[in-house]
Protein backbone atom coordinates (compact mmCIF):
# COMPACT_ATOMS: atom_id res chain seq x y z
CA MET A 1 63.59 131.05 144.32
CA ARG A 2 66.78 133.09 144.40
CA ARG A 3 66.54 136.83 144.10
CA PRO A 4 68.45 138.55 141.30
CA ARG A 5 71.20 140.99 142.18
CA ARG A 6 71.31 144.45 140.69
CA ALA A 7 73.68 144.03 137.76
CA VAL A 8 73.83 144.48 134.02
CA VAL A 9 75.56 141.88 131.90
CA VAL A 10 76.54 143.17 128.45
CA GLU A 11 76.90 140.71 125.62
CA GLY A 12 76.59 141.01 121.89
CA SER A 13 77.58 143.83 119.56
CA GLY A 14 76.41 147.35 118.96
CA SER A 15 77.22 150.55 117.15
CA ASP A 16 78.51 153.85 118.51
CA ASP A 17 75.15 154.90 119.92
CA ARG A 18 73.27 151.62 120.27
CA LEU A 19 74.09 148.52 122.24
CA ALA A 20 72.28 145.18 122.05
CA LEU A 21 71.55 143.97 125.58
CA PRO A 22 69.84 140.69 126.36
CA VAL A 23 67.42 141.53 129.19
CA GLU A 24 65.31 139.31 131.40
CA LEU A 25 62.49 141.06 133.24
CA TYR A 26 60.78 139.71 136.36
CA THR A 27 57.67 140.64 138.22
CA ARG A 28 56.49 139.67 141.68
CA GLY A 29 53.97 136.87 141.76
CA GLU A 30 51.95 135.33 144.54
CA ASP A 31 53.91 134.85 147.75
CA ASP A 32 56.33 137.54 146.53
CA GLU A 33 58.20 135.11 144.23
CA LEU A 34 59.85 136.34 141.04
CA VAL A 35 58.11 135.43 137.81
CA PRO A 36 59.81 135.97 134.42
CA VAL A 37 58.03 138.39 132.08
CA ASP A 38 57.64 137.16 128.50
CA LEU A 39 58.75 139.97 126.16
CA GLY A 40 57.80 137.95 123.09
CA GLY A 41 60.08 137.35 120.15
CA GLY A 42 62.97 136.18 122.32
CA GLY A 43 65.38 138.69 120.82
CA PRO A 44 67.52 141.28 122.57
CA VAL A 45 66.13 144.63 123.61
CA VAL A 46 67.96 147.48 121.87
CA VAL A 47 68.75 150.42 124.14
CA ALA A 48 70.35 153.68 122.99
CA TRP A 49 73.69 154.22 124.75
CA ALA A 50 72.51 157.67 125.86
CA ASP A 51 69.57 156.03 127.67
CA VAL A 52 71.78 153.80 129.81
CA THR A 53 71.91 155.34 133.27
CA GLY A 54 74.56 154.98 135.96
CA LYS A 55 77.38 154.33 133.49
CA PRO A 56 80.85 155.69 134.33
CA THR A 57 82.12 158.66 132.36
CA THR A 58 85.45 156.93 131.69
CA PHE A 59 86.55 153.32 131.60
CA ALA A 60 90.16 153.80 132.68
CA PRO A 61 91.89 150.62 133.89
CA ALA A 62 92.89 150.47 137.53
CA THR A 63 96.61 150.62 138.28
CA HIS A 64 97.95 147.08 138.64
CA THR A 65 100.98 144.91 137.94
CA HIS A 66 101.63 141.54 136.30
CA ALA A 67 104.33 138.98 136.88
CA ALA A 68 106.62 138.48 133.89
CA ALA A 69 105.22 134.94 133.54
CA ASP A 70 101.76 136.45 132.86
CA ILE A 71 102.99 138.27 129.74
CA SER A 72 102.80 136.05 126.67
CA SER A 73 102.84 138.62 123.86
CA GLY A 74 103.35 142.29 123.12
CA THR A 75 106.24 144.68 123.55
CA LEU A 76 107.85 145.54 126.87
CA ALA A 77 109.33 148.93 127.66
CA LEU A 78 113.11 148.70 128.01
CA ALA A 79 112.81 150.00 131.57
CA ARG A 80 110.99 146.73 132.49
CA VAL A 81 113.74 144.46 131.13
CA PRO A 82 116.57 143.67 133.56
CA THR A 83 119.71 144.74 131.72
CA GLY A 84 123.33 144.23 132.64
CA THR A 85 126.20 141.83 132.22
CA THR A 86 125.26 139.00 134.60
CA ALA A 87 123.78 135.61 133.82
CA SER A 88 120.29 136.75 134.91
CA THR A 89 120.19 139.97 132.83
CA VAL A 90 119.99 140.93 129.17
CA ALA A 91 122.88 142.71 127.45
CA LEU A 92 121.94 145.93 125.68
CA GLY A 93 122.64 146.42 121.97
CA ASN A 94 125.52 148.76 122.76
CA HIS A 95 127.20 146.18 125.03
CA THR A 96 130.69 145.13 123.93
CA HIS A 97 133.51 142.96 125.24
CA ALA A 98 136.71 144.89 125.69
CA GLY A 99 139.19 144.12 122.92
CA LEU A 100 136.99 141.54 121.22
CA LEU A 101 136.34 143.41 117.99
CA ALA A 102 138.68 146.36 118.37
CA GLY A 103 142.05 146.55 116.63
CA SER A 104 143.71 143.70 114.82
CA ALA A 105 144.65 140.24 116.02
CA ALA A 106 147.83 138.38 115.33
CA ALA A 107 147.63 136.38 112.14
CA VAL A 108 147.61 132.61 112.34
CA ALA A 109 149.34 130.87 109.46
CA ASP A 110 147.74 128.14 107.41
CA ALA A 111 148.66 124.63 108.46
CA THR A 112 150.69 122.63 105.97
CA ASP A 113 150.70 119.25 107.73
CA GLU A 114 149.40 117.55 110.86
CA ALA A 115 152.14 118.89 113.13
CA SER A 116 151.71 122.48 111.92
CA ALA A 117 147.89 122.15 112.27
CA VAL A 118 148.35 121.46 115.99
CA VAL A 119 150.74 124.42 116.31
CA GLN A 120 148.40 126.78 114.43
CA LEU A 121 145.34 125.59 116.39
CA ASN A 122 147.17 126.30 119.66
CA ALA A 123 148.18 129.73 118.31
CA LEU A 124 144.54 130.47 117.40
CA LEU A 125 143.34 129.39 120.86
CA ALA A 126 145.94 131.66 122.46
CA VAL A 127 144.72 134.64 120.39
CA LEU A 128 141.09 133.93 121.33
CA ARG A 129 142.03 133.74 125.02
CA THR A 130 143.98 137.03 124.77
CA ARG A 131 140.91 138.72 123.20
CA GLY A 132 138.62 137.39 125.95
CA VAL A 133 136.60 135.14 123.64
CA LEU A 134 137.77 132.00 125.47
CA SER A 135 138.68 131.62 129.11
CA THR A 136 141.50 129.38 130.27
């Protein structure tokens, strides 16, 4: 028969000062084997939190890191988000493109026929390239 290790497994629910712990007790039988003790009733044994010995005074998490792929929800601190202007970074809310929204752009006239539509479309494309919206 395998010997139990010294451990406490906590399951169930409790209040601020009481915790429901399922407990299995063993005694030594003939040939030093472990024999389960029948507590009767089959329910959990209720132990006052103050009576639990050997518990830590705080339950602070250990310092550790996670890969970005491990994070599936929540809010990240801005310092953890790679920001910048490259393809592998995120642009900040105060990021702008020089000349894109500043000042006024040359007006493009309405097209009146097919030939003027082509002329006006080319004029619009030229303005967008000048403003940096389109590249050549």
